[in-house]
Amino acid sequence: MIFLKVIILSLITIAFIANGNAVNINRLCEGIKHSEDVSVCLIESVEEMKKEYSEQFVQYQLSIGSKEERPYNRKKTIQLAKKAKLNWDRYLINECLVESAKFLRNSTGFNDGYNVCLIKNYMQRIKYYRSNMF
């Protein structure tokens, strides 16, 4: 089982590197000895990234609504940002389902692939919010 887990994680990592979206899984859950613990680590990492993503979106919204004089309608821009986030959240679910579809649904490979996809995309979106403050 451990050998299978190592192969699955290696394939997932290679697939992401080949797509130019490298996420170093070995670093993310480094030092874990049991394969079941890797899945737990990925789940915990998703929760941490999701929390950071939500916090960063709040900061992004605050930057839009700053009291500095701006040439745009703050209220409308915040509404657009919320709508964009909602659409991106829906997209992310479907995108990660597609990326993990190569594995049997609800298998370890499927679940780990799905979680790695979430982590990778949350990291990208957090970076986007940080880089595009108003």
Protein backbone atom coordinates (compact mmCIF):
# COMPACT_ATOMS: atom_id res chain seq x y z
CA MET A 1 0.00 0.00 0.00
CA ILE A 2 2.82 2.41 0.84
CA PHE A 3 4.49 1.63 -2.49
CA LEU A 4 1.23 2.35 -4.33
CA LYS A 5 0.83 5.64 -2.45
CA VAL A 6 4.36 6.73 -3.37
CA ILE A 7 3.70 5.93 -7.03
CA ILE A 8 0.39 7.84 -7.01
CA LEU A 9 1.94 10.90 -5.38
CA SER A 10 4.85 10.77 -7.80
CA LEU A 11 2.50 10.65 -10.78
CA ILE A 12 0.43 13.52 -9.43
CA THR A 13 3.56 15.61 -8.86
CA ILE A 14 4.91 14.82 -12.31
CA ALA A 15 1.56 15.70 -13.91
CA PHE A 16 1.50 19.11 -12.21
CA ILE A 17 5.13 19.84 -13.10
CA ALA A 18 4.45 18.90 -16.73
CA ASN A 19 1.57 21.39 -16.79
CA GLY A 20 3.82 24.13 -15.44
CA ASN A 21 1.96 24.22 -12.12
CA ALA A 22 4.49 22.58 -9.83
CA VAL A 23 3.36 21.98 -6.29
CA ASN A 24 6.02 20.18 -4.29
CA ILE A 25 3.94 17.54 -2.56
CA ASN A 26 7.03 16.06 -0.97
CA ARG A 27 7.61 19.36 0.82
CA LEU A 28 3.95 19.93 1.63
CA CYS A 29 3.64 16.82 3.76
CA GLU A 30 7.34 16.19 4.33
CA GLY A 31 8.39 13.65 6.90
CA ILE A 32 5.20 11.60 6.88
CA LYS A 33 5.96 7.89 7.10
CA HIS A 34 2.54 6.25 6.69
CA SER A 35 0.54 6.59 3.49
CA GLU A 36 -2.73 7.17 5.32
CA ASP A 37 -1.15 10.14 7.06
CA VAL A 38 -0.35 11.76 3.71
CA SER A 39 -4.05 11.92 2.90
CA VAL A 40 -4.76 13.49 6.29
CA CYS A 41 -1.97 16.00 5.72
CA LEU A 42 -3.42 16.94 2.32
CA ILE A 43 -6.89 17.42 3.83
CA GLU A 44 -5.46 19.62 6.58
CA SER A 45 -3.43 21.57 4.00
CA VAL A 46 -6.57 22.18 1.93
CA GLU A 47 -8.34 23.57 5.00
CA GLU A 48 -5.39 25.86 5.77
CA MET A 49 -5.20 27.09 2.17
CA LYS A 50 -8.97 27.62 2.02
CA LYS A 51 -8.81 29.69 5.20
CA GLU A 52 -5.91 31.76 3.85
CA TYR A 53 -7.77 32.18 0.55
CA SER A 54 -10.84 33.51 2.39
CA GLU A 55 -8.75 35.85 4.51
CA GLN A 56 -6.90 37.15 1.47
CA PHE A 57 -10.19 37.81 -0.32
CA VAL A 58 -11.33 39.92 2.63
CA GLN A 59 -8.11 41.95 2.35
CA TYR A 60 -8.69 42.28 -1.39
CA GLN A 61 -12.21 43.61 -0.76
CA LEU A 62 -10.91 46.06 1.83
CA SER A 63 -8.40 47.38 -0.70
CA ILE A 64 -11.24 47.98 -3.17
CA GLY A 65 -13.26 49.86 -0.57
CA SER A 66 -10.40 51.98 0.76
CA LYS A 67 -11.26 55.56 1.58
CA GLU A 68 -8.68 56.92 -0.84
CA GLU A 69 -10.11 58.74 -3.82
CA ARG A 70 -10.64 56.26 -6.64
CA PRO A 71 -11.99 56.62 -10.18
CA TYR A 72 -14.36 53.66 -9.84
CA ASN A 73 -17.59 52.83 -8.08
CA ARG A 74 -16.47 50.98 -4.92
CA LYS A 75 -19.81 49.29 -4.27
CA LYS A 76 -20.13 47.99 -7.82
CA THR A 77 -16.51 46.83 -7.91
CA ILE A 78 -16.93 44.92 -4.64
CA GLN A 79 -20.09 43.28 -6.01
CA LEU A 80 -18.17 42.27 -9.13
CA ALA A 81 -15.33 40.86 -7.02
CA LYS A 82 -17.79 38.80 -4.96
CA LYS A 83 -19.43 37.48 -8.12
CA ALA A 84 -16.03 36.62 -9.60
CA LYS A 85 -15.06 34.77 -6.41
CA LEU A 86 -18.31 32.80 -6.41
CA ASN A 87 -17.79 31.81 -10.06
CA TRP A 88 -14.15 30.91 -9.42
CA ASP A 89 -15.16 28.73 -6.45
CA ARG A 90 -17.62 26.83 -8.66
CA TYR A 91 -15.04 26.52 -11.42
CA LEU A 92 -12.47 25.17 -8.96
CA ILE A 93 -14.69 22.31 -7.85
CA ASN A 94 -15.29 21.22 -11.44
CA GLU A 95 -11.66 21.72 -12.48
CA CYS A 96 -10.41 19.55 -9.63
CA LEU A 97 -13.02 16.88 -10.36
CA VAL A 98 -11.71 16.74 -13.93
CA GLU A 99 -8.08 16.57 -12.80
CA SER A 100 -8.81 13.67 -10.45
CA ALA A 101 -11.15 11.84 -12.84
CA LYS A 102 -8.28 9.65 -14.04
CA PHE A 103 -8.59 7.79 -10.73
CA LEU A 104 -11.49 5.71 -9.45
CA ARG A 105 -13.91 8.06 -7.67
CA ASN A 106 -13.45 8.12 -3.88
CA SER A 107 -10.19 6.16 -4.13
CA THR A 108 -7.06 7.41 -2.41
CA GLY A 109 -5.66 8.58 -5.76
CA PHE A 110 -8.85 10.45 -6.58
CA ASN A 111 -9.12 12.13 -3.18
CA ASP A 112 -5.44 13.02 -2.98
CA GLY A 113 -5.44 14.30 -6.57
CA TYR A 114 -8.49 16.42 -5.83
CA ASN A 115 -6.89 17.88 -2.71
CA VAL A 116 -3.61 18.60 -4.47
CA CYS A 117 -5.58 20.39 -7.19
CA LEU A 118 -7.36 22.50 -4.57
CA ILE A 119 -4.08 23.40 -2.88
CA LYS A 120 -2.44 24.33 -6.16
CA ASN A 121 -5.33 26.52 -7.24
CA TYR A 122 -5.84 28.17 -3.85
CA MET A 123 -2.16 29.10 -3.88
CA GLN A 124 -2.54 30.69 -7.31
CA ARG A 125 -5.65 32.62 -6.31
CA ILE A 126 -4.05 33.87 -3.09
CA LYS A 127 -1.12 35.09 -5.15
CA TYR A 128 -3.56 36.82 -7.52
CA TYR A 129 -5.32 38.66 -4.69
CA ARG A 130 -2.02 39.75 -3.16
CA SER A 131 -0.69 41.00 -6.50
CA ASN A 132 -3.84 42.85 -7.53
CA MET A 133 -4.75 44.94 -4.51
CA PHE A 134 -6.41 48.24 -5.40
